[in-house]
Amino acid sequence: MPKRDPERHPHIRAAMADLRKAANQLEHADHDFGGHRAKAVALVKQAEDELREAIAWAKAHPDSDKTPAAAAQPKK
């Protein structure tokens, strides 16, 4: 039986789980904080969407993720 590939993007998956937890916490906060809580929820959900798109892109381009993240960072 062939071995299953281990999770290829564990940090992305962990970030997605953390974002889900953050959204849940924000959605259950007692105050609106002048609209900032709602904006934060929207931004967290946008980040979740971006990470889902990143995973989909990685699956569609399996040989394109060979560059370490640190090397791909823009220089400041």
C-alpha atoms as a PDB file:
ATOM      1  CA  MET A   1       0.000   0.000   0.000  1.00  0.00           C
ATOM      2  CA  PRO A   2       1.472   3.426  -0.929  1.00  0.00           C
ATOM      3  CA  LYS A   3       2.205   5.808   1.901  1.00  0.00           C
ATOM      4  CA  ARG A   4       0.009   8.860   2.238  1.00  0.00           C
ATOM      5  CA  ASP A   5       1.793  12.149   1.798  1.00  0.00           C
ATOM      6  CA  PRO A   6       2.121  14.002   5.075  1.00  0.00           C
ATOM      7  CA  GLU A   7       0.472  17.395   5.268  1.00  0.00           C
ATOM      8  CA  ARG A   8       2.457  19.569   2.885  1.00  0.00           C
ATOM      9  CA  HIS A   9       1.458  22.879   4.409  1.00  0.00           C
ATOM     10  CA  PRO A  10       1.090  22.394   8.168  1.00  0.00           C
ATOM     11  CA  HIS A  11       1.735  26.062   8.984  1.00  0.00           C
ATOM     12  CA  ILE A  12      -0.996  27.228   6.616  1.00  0.00           C
ATOM     13  CA  ARG A  13      -3.423  24.663   8.049  1.00  0.00           C
ATOM     14  CA  ALA A  14      -2.536  25.733  11.600  1.00  0.00           C
ATOM     15  CA  ALA A  15      -3.057  29.389  10.680  1.00  0.00           C
ATOM     16  CA  MET A  16      -6.454  28.512   9.210  1.00  0.00           C
ATOM     17  CA  ALA A  17      -7.469  26.813  12.455  1.00  0.00           C
ATOM     18  CA  ASP A  18      -6.277  29.810  14.475  1.00  0.00           C
ATOM     19  CA  LEU A  19      -8.239  32.183  12.231  1.00  0.00           C
ATOM     20  CA  ARG A  20     -11.407  30.111  12.713  1.00  0.00           C
ATOM     21  CA  LYS A  21     -10.909  30.348  16.488  1.00  0.00           C
ATOM     22  CA  ALA A  22     -10.285  34.106  16.253  1.00  0.00           C
ATOM     23  CA  ALA A  23     -13.443  34.645  14.184  1.00  0.00           C
ATOM     24  CA  ASN A  24     -15.462  32.663  16.711  1.00  0.00           C
ATOM     25  CA  GLN A  25     -14.086  34.721  19.598  1.00  0.00           C
ATOM     26  CA  LEU A  26     -14.765  37.986  17.801  1.00  0.00           C
ATOM     27  CA  GLU A  27     -18.296  36.958  16.846  1.00  0.00           C
ATOM     28  CA  HIS A  28     -19.072  36.250  20.511  1.00  0.00           C
ATOM     29  CA  ALA A  29     -17.544  39.447  21.903  1.00  0.00           C
ATOM     30  CA  ASP A  30     -19.862  41.512  24.116  1.00  0.00           C
ATOM     31  CA  HIS A  31     -19.263  44.845  22.400  1.00  0.00           C
ATOM     32  CA  ASP A  32     -19.081  46.167  18.840  1.00  0.00           C
ATOM     33  CA  PHE A  33     -16.215  48.571  19.645  1.00  0.00           C
ATOM     34  CA  GLY A  34     -17.486  51.238  17.295  1.00  0.00           C
ATOM     35  CA  GLY A  35     -17.635  48.880  14.320  1.00  0.00           C
ATOM     36  CA  HIS A  36     -14.043  47.688  14.729  1.00  0.00           C
ATOM     37  CA  ARG A  37     -15.103  44.202  15.867  1.00  0.00           C
ATOM     38  CA  ALA A  38     -17.214  43.694  12.733  1.00  0.00           C
ATOM     39  CA  LYS A  39     -14.364  44.948  10.540  1.00  0.00           C
ATOM     40  CA  ALA A  40     -11.947  42.573  12.295  1.00  0.00           C
ATOM     41  CA  VAL A  41     -14.326  39.648  11.694  1.00  0.00           C
ATOM     42  CA  ALA A  42     -14.497  40.542   7.991  1.00  0.00           C
ATOM     43  CA  LEU A  43     -10.710  40.771   7.746  1.00  0.00           C
ATOM     44  CA  VAL A  44     -10.226  37.437   9.518  1.00  0.00           C
ATOM     45  CA  LYS A  45     -12.658  35.819   7.091  1.00  0.00           C
ATOM     46  CA  GLN A  46     -10.810  37.447   4.190  1.00  0.00           C
ATOM     47  CA  ALA A  47      -7.558  35.964   5.509  1.00  0.00           C
ATOM     48  CA  GLU A  48      -9.216  32.533   5.753  1.00  0.00           C
ATOM     49  CA  ASP A  49     -10.325  32.851   2.115  1.00  0.00           C
ATOM     50  CA  GLU A  50      -6.795  33.795   1.044  1.00  0.00           C
ATOM     51  CA  LEU A  51      -5.345  30.745   2.779  1.00  0.00           C
ATOM     52  CA  ARG A  52      -7.932  28.457   1.164  1.00  0.00           C
ATOM     53  CA  GLU A  53      -6.937  29.931  -2.198  1.00  0.00           C
ATOM     54  CA  ALA A  54      -3.259  29.396  -1.338  1.00  0.00           C
ATOM     55  CA  ILE A  55      -3.877  25.701  -0.613  1.00  0.00           C
ATOM     56  CA  ALA A  56      -5.859  25.324  -3.840  1.00  0.00           C
ATOM     57  CA  TRP A  57      -3.055  27.026  -5.784  1.00  0.00           C
ATOM     58  CA  ALA A  58      -0.450  24.765  -4.180  1.00  0.00           C
ATOM     59  CA  LYS A  59      -2.470  21.680  -5.137  1.00  0.00           C
ATOM     60  CA  ALA A  60      -2.747  22.915  -8.731  1.00  0.00           C
ATOM     61  CA  HIS A  61       1.004  23.713  -8.879  1.00  0.00           C
ATOM     62  CA  PRO A  62       2.696  20.945  -6.838  1.00  0.00           C
ATOM     63  CA  ASP A  63       6.205  21.688  -8.126  1.00  0.00           C
ATOM     64  CA  SER A  64       6.027  25.457  -7.683  1.00  0.00           C
ATOM     65  CA  ASP A  65       6.412  25.576  -3.902  1.00  0.00           C
ATOM     66  CA  LYS A  66      10.083  24.643  -3.709  1.00  0.00           C
ATOM     67  CA  THR A  67      11.254  28.171  -2.739  1.00  0.00           C
ATOM     68  CA  PRO A  68      11.455  28.670   1.032  1.00  0.00           C
ATOM     69  CA  ALA A  69       9.118  31.372   2.323  1.00  0.00           C
ATOM     70  CA  ALA A  70      11.989  33.474   3.709  1.00  0.00           C
ATOM     71  CA  ALA A  71      13.615  33.649   0.284  1.00  0.00           C
ATOM     72  CA  ALA A  72      10.338  34.725  -1.323  1.00  0.00           C
ATOM     73  CA  GLN A  73       9.866  37.695   1.028  1.00  0.00           C
ATOM     74  CA  PRO A  74      10.177  41.120  -0.608  1.00  0.00           C
ATOM     75  CA  LYS A  75      13.206  43.086   0.522  1.00  0.00           C
ATOM     76  CA  LYS A  76      12.574  46.129   2.688  1.00  0.00           C
END
